[in-house]
Amino acid sequence: MALGAVIPIGWPLRVVLWGLLGWNLYYSLITHAWRSGPMAIQAIELDNEGVVSVRLTGSDTWQQARITSHFVHPWLTLMSLRLESRRWPMNLVIAADAVEPEPFRRWRVALKLQAVEV
């Protein structure tokens, strides 16, 4: 938003830019932080064979997904998931203090040992 204030552009375009940035912030918050948007991942599970299943908000069905990339840190896990029913990948951020410690530890270990196919 600071760049939008500094860049020498007209006020109407600047207001549109700030509006788009505000909408992006709101959409990111309801999807990733509050997990209440229609595209939010409500639950994720990894079985012993390495198959990932996700359940979206407002749905009772589990969908198979493929992890295309991941970043594992002791405090944070970032993943990009490709669902068969969706064209674009979904991103998932899991903070260590947002989930139970033991499942989070097992999830990190499983991701570190898993070879990701791109």
N, C-alpha and C. Protein backbone atom coordinates (compact mmCIF):
# COMPACT_ATOMS: atom_id res chain seq x y z
N MET A 1 0.82 -1.18 0.00
CA MET A 1 0.00 0.00 0.00
C MET A 1 0.88 1.26 0.00
N ALA A 2 2.05 1.15 0.59
CA ALA A 2 2.95 2.30 0.60
C ALA A 2 3.40 2.64 -0.81
N LEU A 3 3.66 1.62 -1.62
CA LEU A 3 4.03 1.89 -3.02
C LEU A 3 2.88 2.54 -3.77
N GLY A 4 1.66 2.15 -3.47
CA GLY A 4 0.50 2.77 -4.12
C GLY A 4 0.38 4.24 -3.78
N ALA A 5 0.87 4.63 -2.61
CA ALA A 5 0.84 6.04 -2.21
C ALA A 5 1.99 6.82 -2.82
N VAL A 6 3.11 6.15 -3.11
CA VAL A 6 4.30 6.84 -3.61
C VAL A 6 4.33 6.93 -5.13
N ILE A 7 3.82 5.93 -5.81
CA ILE A 7 3.88 5.90 -7.28
C ILE A 7 3.07 7.05 -7.84
N PRO A 8 3.64 7.78 -8.79
CA PRO A 8 2.92 8.93 -9.36
C PRO A 8 1.86 8.48 -10.39
N ILE A 9 0.69 8.14 -9.90
CA ILE A 9 -0.43 7.77 -10.77
C ILE A 9 -1.64 8.60 -10.36
N GLY A 10 -2.65 8.62 -11.20
CA GLY A 10 -3.85 9.40 -10.91
C GLY A 10 -4.62 8.84 -9.72
N TRP A 11 -5.41 9.72 -9.07
CA TRP A 11 -6.16 9.31 -7.88
C TRP A 11 -7.17 8.21 -8.17
N PRO A 12 -7.89 8.23 -9.29
CA PRO A 12 -8.84 7.14 -9.53
C PRO A 12 -8.15 5.77 -9.62
N LEU A 13 -7.01 5.72 -10.29
CA LEU A 13 -6.27 4.47 -10.41
C LEU A 13 -5.69 4.06 -9.05
N ARG A 14 -5.28 5.03 -8.27
CA ARG A 14 -4.74 4.76 -6.94
C ARG A 14 -5.83 4.18 -6.03
N VAL A 15 -7.05 4.70 -6.11
CA VAL A 15 -8.16 4.19 -5.30
C VAL A 15 -8.49 2.76 -5.73
N VAL A 16 -8.47 2.49 -7.03
CA VAL A 16 -8.73 1.13 -7.53
C VAL A 16 -7.64 0.19 -7.03
N LEU A 17 -6.39 0.61 -7.06
CA LEU A 17 -5.28 -0.21 -6.57
C LEU A 17 -5.42 -0.51 -5.08
N TRP A 18 -5.77 0.49 -4.28
CA TRP A 18 -5.97 0.27 -2.85
C TRP A 18 -7.16 -0.64 -2.60
N GLY A 19 -8.20 -0.50 -3.39
CA GLY A 19 -9.37 -1.38 -3.25
C GLY A 19 -9.02 -2.83 -3.54
N LEU A 20 -8.25 -3.05 -4.60
CA LEU A 20 -7.82 -4.41 -4.94
C LEU A 20 -6.91 -5.00 -3.86
N LEU A 21 -6.02 -4.20 -3.33
CA LEU A 21 -5.16 -4.67 -2.25
C LEU A 21 -5.96 -4.98 -0.98
N GLY A 22 -6.94 -4.17 -0.68
CA GLY A 22 -7.81 -4.43 0.47
C GLY A 22 -8.62 -5.70 0.28
N TRP A 23 -9.16 -5.91 -0.93
CA TRP A 23 -9.91 -7.13 -1.21
C TRP A 23 -9.00 -8.36 -1.09
N ASN A 24 -7.78 -8.26 -1.57
CA ASN A 24 -6.85 -9.37 -1.48
C ASN A 24 -6.53 -9.69 -0.01
N LEU A 25 -6.36 -8.67 0.82
CA LEU A 25 -6.12 -8.88 2.24
C LEU A 25 -7.31 -9.58 2.89
N TYR A 26 -8.53 -9.11 2.59
CA TYR A 26 -9.74 -9.72 3.16
C TYR A 26 -9.86 -11.17 2.71
N TYR A 27 -9.66 -11.45 1.43
CA TYR A 27 -9.78 -12.80 0.91
C TYR A 27 -8.73 -13.73 1.54
N SER A 28 -7.52 -13.24 1.72
CA SER A 28 -6.47 -14.04 2.36
C SER A 28 -6.80 -14.32 3.82
N LEU A 29 -7.37 -13.35 4.51
CA LEU A 29 -7.74 -13.56 5.91
C LEU A 29 -8.85 -14.60 6.05
N ILE A 30 -9.91 -14.52 5.24
CA ILE A 30 -11.00 -15.49 5.40
C ILE A 30 -10.59 -16.88 4.91
N THR A 31 -9.63 -16.96 4.01
CA THR A 31 -9.21 -18.27 3.50
C THR A 31 -8.17 -18.91 4.39
N HIS A 32 -7.14 -18.17 4.78
CA HIS A 32 -6.01 -18.76 5.49
C HIS A 32 -6.06 -18.58 7.01
N ALA A 33 -6.50 -17.45 7.50
CA ALA A 33 -6.47 -17.20 8.94
C ALA A 33 -7.75 -17.67 9.62
N TRP A 34 -8.90 -17.26 9.10
CA TRP A 34 -10.17 -17.60 9.75
C TRP A 34 -10.76 -18.90 9.25
N ARG A 35 -10.30 -19.42 8.12
CA ARG A 35 -10.77 -20.69 7.54
C ARG A 35 -12.29 -20.73 7.40
N SER A 36 -12.89 -19.61 6.97
CA SER A 36 -14.34 -19.56 6.83
C SER A 36 -14.78 -19.36 5.39
N GLY A 37 -13.87 -19.11 4.47
CA GLY A 37 -14.23 -18.90 3.08
C GLY A 37 -14.54 -20.21 2.38
N PRO A 38 -15.19 -20.16 1.22
CA PRO A 38 -15.55 -21.39 0.51
C PRO A 38 -14.35 -22.15 -0.03
N MET A 39 -13.22 -21.51 -0.19
CA MET A 39 -12.03 -22.15 -0.71
C MET A 39 -11.08 -22.60 0.40
N ALA A 40 -11.47 -22.43 1.64
CA ALA A 40 -10.60 -22.75 2.78
C ALA A 40 -10.57 -24.26 3.02
N ILE A 41 -9.40 -24.74 3.37
CA ILE A 41 -9.24 -26.15 3.72
C ILE A 41 -9.58 -26.30 5.20
N GLN A 42 -10.61 -27.09 5.48
CA GLN A 42 -11.06 -27.30 6.85
C GLN A 42 -10.25 -28.38 7.55
N ALA A 43 -9.93 -29.45 6.82
CA ALA A 43 -9.18 -30.56 7.42
C ALA A 43 -8.29 -31.18 6.35
N ILE A 44 -7.17 -31.72 6.79
CA ILE A 44 -6.24 -32.38 5.88
C ILE A 44 -5.71 -33.63 6.58
N GLU A 45 -5.52 -34.68 5.82
CA GLU A 45 -4.98 -35.90 6.42
C GLU A 45 -4.06 -36.59 5.42
N LEU A 46 -3.04 -37.20 5.95
CA LEU A 46 -2.04 -37.92 5.18
C LEU A 46 -2.02 -39.35 5.67
N ASP A 47 -2.28 -40.32 4.77
CA ASP A 47 -2.30 -41.71 5.22
C ASP A 47 -0.91 -42.32 5.12
N ASN A 48 -0.79 -43.58 5.47
CA ASN A 48 0.51 -44.25 5.50
C ASN A 48 1.12 -44.44 4.13
N GLU A 49 0.31 -44.40 3.08
CA GLU A 49 0.83 -44.58 1.72
C GLU A 49 1.21 -43.26 1.06
N GLY A 50 1.06 -42.15 1.76
CA GLY A 50 1.44 -40.85 1.23
C GLY A 50 0.34 -40.16 0.46
N VAL A 51 -0.89 -40.63 0.55
CA VAL A 51 -2.01 -40.01 -0.14
C VAL A 51 -2.59 -38.92 0.76
N VAL A 52 -2.74 -37.73 0.20
CA VAL A 52 -3.27 -36.60 0.96
C VAL A 52 -4.73 -36.42 0.60
N SER A 53 -5.56 -36.23 1.61
CA SER A 53 -6.98 -35.94 1.42
C SER A 53 -7.31 -34.66 2.14
N VAL A 54 -8.15 -33.82 1.51
CA VAL A 54 -8.55 -32.56 2.12
C VAL A 54 -10.06 -32.46 2.13
N ARG A 55 -10.58 -31.72 3.10
CA ARG A 55 -12.00 -31.42 3.18
C ARG A 55 -12.14 -29.90 3.22
N LEU A 56 -12.91 -29.36 2.28
CA LEU A 56 -13.10 -27.93 2.19
C LEU A 56 -14.22 -27.48 3.12
N THR A 57 -14.25 -26.20 3.43
CA THR A 57 -15.28 -25.65 4.30
C THR A 57 -16.65 -25.82 3.66
N GLY A 58 -17.60 -26.28 4.45
CA GLY A 58 -18.96 -26.45 3.97
C GLY A 58 -19.20 -27.75 3.22
N SER A 59 -18.23 -28.62 3.18
CA SER A 59 -18.37 -29.89 2.48
C SER A 59 -18.04 -31.03 3.43
N ASP A 60 -18.74 -32.15 3.24
CA ASP A 60 -18.48 -33.33 4.07
C ASP A 60 -17.65 -34.37 3.33
N THR A 61 -17.35 -34.14 2.06
CA THR A 61 -16.61 -35.11 1.27
C THR A 61 -15.12 -34.81 1.31
N TRP A 62 -14.33 -35.88 1.30
CA TRP A 62 -12.88 -35.76 1.26
C TRP A 62 -12.44 -35.85 -0.20
N GLN A 63 -11.55 -34.96 -0.60
CA GLN A 63 -11.03 -34.94 -1.96
C GLN A 63 -9.54 -35.28 -1.92
N GLN A 64 -9.13 -36.07 -2.91
CA GLN A 64 -7.71 -36.41 -2.99
C GLN A 64 -6.94 -35.22 -3.52
N ALA A 65 -5.74 -35.04 -3.00
CA ALA A 65 -4.88 -33.93 -3.42
C ALA A 65 -3.46 -34.45 -3.59
N ARG A 66 -2.68 -33.66 -4.30
CA ARG A 66 -1.27 -33.98 -4.50
C ARG A 66 -0.46 -32.78 -4.03
N ILE A 67 0.54 -33.03 -3.22
CA ILE A 67 1.41 -31.95 -2.74
C ILE A 67 2.43 -31.66 -3.83
N THR A 68 2.38 -30.44 -4.37
CA THR A 68 3.31 -30.08 -5.43
C THR A 68 4.58 -29.44 -4.89
N SER A 69 4.47 -28.75 -3.76
CA SER A 69 5.66 -28.20 -3.12
C SER A 69 5.37 -27.97 -1.64
N HIS A 70 6.42 -27.96 -0.85
CA HIS A 70 6.24 -27.74 0.58
C HIS A 70 7.50 -27.14 1.18
N PHE A 71 7.29 -26.46 2.31
CA PHE A 71 8.37 -25.90 3.10
C PHE A 71 8.07 -26.26 4.55
N VAL A 72 9.02 -26.92 5.20
CA VAL A 72 8.81 -27.39 6.56
C VAL A 72 9.79 -26.68 7.49
N HIS A 73 9.26 -26.09 8.54
CA HIS A 73 10.03 -25.42 9.56
C HIS A 73 9.46 -25.86 10.91
N PRO A 74 10.22 -25.85 11.98
CA PRO A 74 9.66 -26.27 13.28
C PRO A 74 8.45 -25.46 13.72
N TRP A 75 8.30 -24.22 13.28
CA TRP A 75 7.17 -23.39 13.71
C TRP A 75 6.10 -23.24 12.65
N LEU A 76 6.40 -23.64 11.40
CA LEU A 76 5.50 -23.33 10.30
C LEU A 76 5.65 -24.36 9.19
N THR A 77 4.55 -24.70 8.54
CA THR A 77 4.58 -25.57 7.37
C THR A 77 3.77 -24.90 6.27
N LEU A 78 4.37 -24.76 5.09
CA LEU A 78 3.72 -24.19 3.92
C LEU A 78 3.61 -25.26 2.86
N MET A 79 2.44 -25.37 2.23
CA MET A 79 2.23 -26.38 1.20
C MET A 79 1.44 -25.81 0.04
N SER A 80 1.69 -26.35 -1.11
CA SER A 80 0.89 -26.09 -2.29
C SER A 80 0.26 -27.41 -2.70
N LEU A 81 -1.07 -27.46 -2.73
CA LEU A 81 -1.81 -28.68 -3.00
C LEU A 81 -2.56 -28.56 -4.33
N ARG A 82 -2.53 -29.61 -5.11
CA ARG A 82 -3.27 -29.66 -6.37
C ARG A 82 -4.42 -30.65 -6.20
N LEU A 83 -5.65 -30.15 -6.23
CA LEU A 83 -6.83 -30.99 -6.17
C LEU A 83 -7.23 -31.38 -7.59
N GLU A 84 -7.75 -32.58 -7.75
CA GLU A 84 -8.13 -33.04 -9.08
C GLU A 84 -9.28 -32.23 -9.66
N SER A 85 -10.15 -31.70 -8.81
CA SER A 85 -11.33 -30.97 -9.27
C SER A 85 -11.06 -29.49 -9.50
N ARG A 86 -9.86 -29.02 -9.25
CA ARG A 86 -9.55 -27.59 -9.38
C ARG A 86 -8.43 -27.37 -10.38
N ARG A 87 -8.50 -26.25 -11.06
CA ARG A 87 -7.49 -25.93 -12.06
C ARG A 87 -6.22 -25.39 -11.42
N TRP A 88 -6.37 -24.52 -10.44
CA TRP A 88 -5.23 -23.88 -9.80
C TRP A 88 -4.92 -24.55 -8.47
N PRO A 89 -3.66 -24.56 -8.08
CA PRO A 89 -3.31 -25.16 -6.78
C PRO A 89 -3.80 -24.30 -5.62
N MET A 90 -3.97 -24.95 -4.48
CA MET A 90 -4.38 -24.26 -3.26
C MET A 90 -3.18 -24.21 -2.32
N ASN A 91 -3.03 -23.12 -1.63
CA ASN A 91 -1.93 -22.97 -0.68
C ASN A 91 -2.46 -23.17 0.73
N LEU A 92 -1.64 -23.79 1.55
CA LEU A 92 -2.02 -24.06 2.93
C LEU A 92 -0.88 -23.66 3.84
N VAL A 93 -1.21 -22.92 4.88
CA VAL A 93 -0.24 -22.48 5.88
C VAL A 93 -0.69 -23.07 7.22
N ILE A 94 0.20 -23.81 7.88
CA ILE A 94 -0.11 -24.39 9.18
C ILE A 94 0.93 -23.89 10.18
N ALA A 95 0.47 -23.14 11.15
CA ALA A 95 1.36 -22.65 12.21
C ALA A 95 1.39 -23.69 13.34
N ALA A 96 2.52 -23.80 14.00
CA ALA A 96 2.69 -24.81 15.05
C ALA A 96 1.73 -24.60 16.21
N ASP A 97 1.45 -23.36 16.56
CA ASP A 97 0.57 -23.12 17.70
C ASP A 97 -0.91 -23.17 17.34
N ALA A 98 -1.23 -23.45 16.08
CA ALA A 98 -2.63 -23.54 15.65
C ALA A 98 -3.18 -24.95 15.72
N VAL A 99 -2.32 -25.93 15.90
CA VAL A 99 -2.75 -27.33 15.93
C VAL A 99 -2.12 -28.03 17.14
N GLU A 100 -2.56 -29.25 17.37
CA GLU A 100 -2.01 -30.05 18.46
C GLU A 100 -0.53 -30.38 18.16
N PRO A 101 0.34 -30.41 19.15
CA PRO A 101 1.77 -30.60 18.90
C PRO A 101 2.14 -31.96 18.29
N GLU A 102 1.54 -33.03 18.77
CA GLU A 102 1.93 -34.36 18.28
C GLU A 102 1.54 -34.59 16.82
N PRO A 103 0.30 -34.30 16.39
CA PRO A 103 -0.01 -34.46 14.96
C PRO A 103 0.84 -33.55 14.07
N PHE A 104 1.13 -32.32 14.56
CA PHE A 104 1.96 -31.41 13.77
C PHE A 104 3.36 -31.96 13.61
N ARG A 105 3.91 -32.56 14.65
CA ARG A 105 5.25 -33.16 14.55
C ARG A 105 5.25 -34.31 13.57
N ARG A 106 4.23 -35.19 13.64
CA ARG A 106 4.15 -36.31 12.71
C ARG A 106 3.98 -35.83 11.27
N TRP A 107 3.20 -34.76 11.09
CA TRP A 107 2.98 -34.20 9.75
C TRP A 107 4.30 -33.67 9.18
N ARG A 108 5.07 -32.95 9.99
CA ARG A 108 6.36 -32.42 9.53
C ARG A 108 7.33 -33.54 9.16
N VAL A 109 7.39 -34.58 9.97
CA VAL A 109 8.28 -35.70 9.69
C VAL A 109 7.86 -36.39 8.39
N ALA A 110 6.58 -36.60 8.22
CA ALA A 110 6.09 -37.25 6.99
C ALA A 110 6.42 -36.41 5.76
N LEU A 111 6.30 -35.10 5.85
CA LEU A 111 6.62 -34.24 4.72
C LEU A 111 8.12 -34.22 4.43
N LYS A 112 8.93 -34.24 5.47
CA LYS A 112 10.38 -34.26 5.25
C LYS A 112 10.84 -35.55 4.58
N LEU A 113 10.20 -36.65 4.91
CA LEU A 113 10.58 -37.94 4.34
C LEU A 113 9.96 -38.20 2.98
N GLN A 114 8.92 -37.46 2.64
CA GLN A 114 8.20 -37.68 1.38
C GLN A 114 8.93 -37.01 0.23
N ALA A 115 9.06 -37.72 -0.88
CA ALA A 115 9.62 -37.15 -2.10
C ALA A 115 8.47 -36.55 -2.88
N VAL A 116 8.53 -35.25 -3.15
CA VAL A 116 7.45 -34.55 -3.82
C VAL A 116 7.66 -34.61 -5.33
N GLU A 117 6.60 -35.02 -6.03
CA GLU A 117 6.65 -35.05 -7.49
C GLU A 117 6.04 -33.76 -8.01
N VAL A 118 6.75 -33.09 -8.90
CA VAL A 118 6.23 -31.82 -9.44
C VAL A 118 5.70 -32.05 -10.82
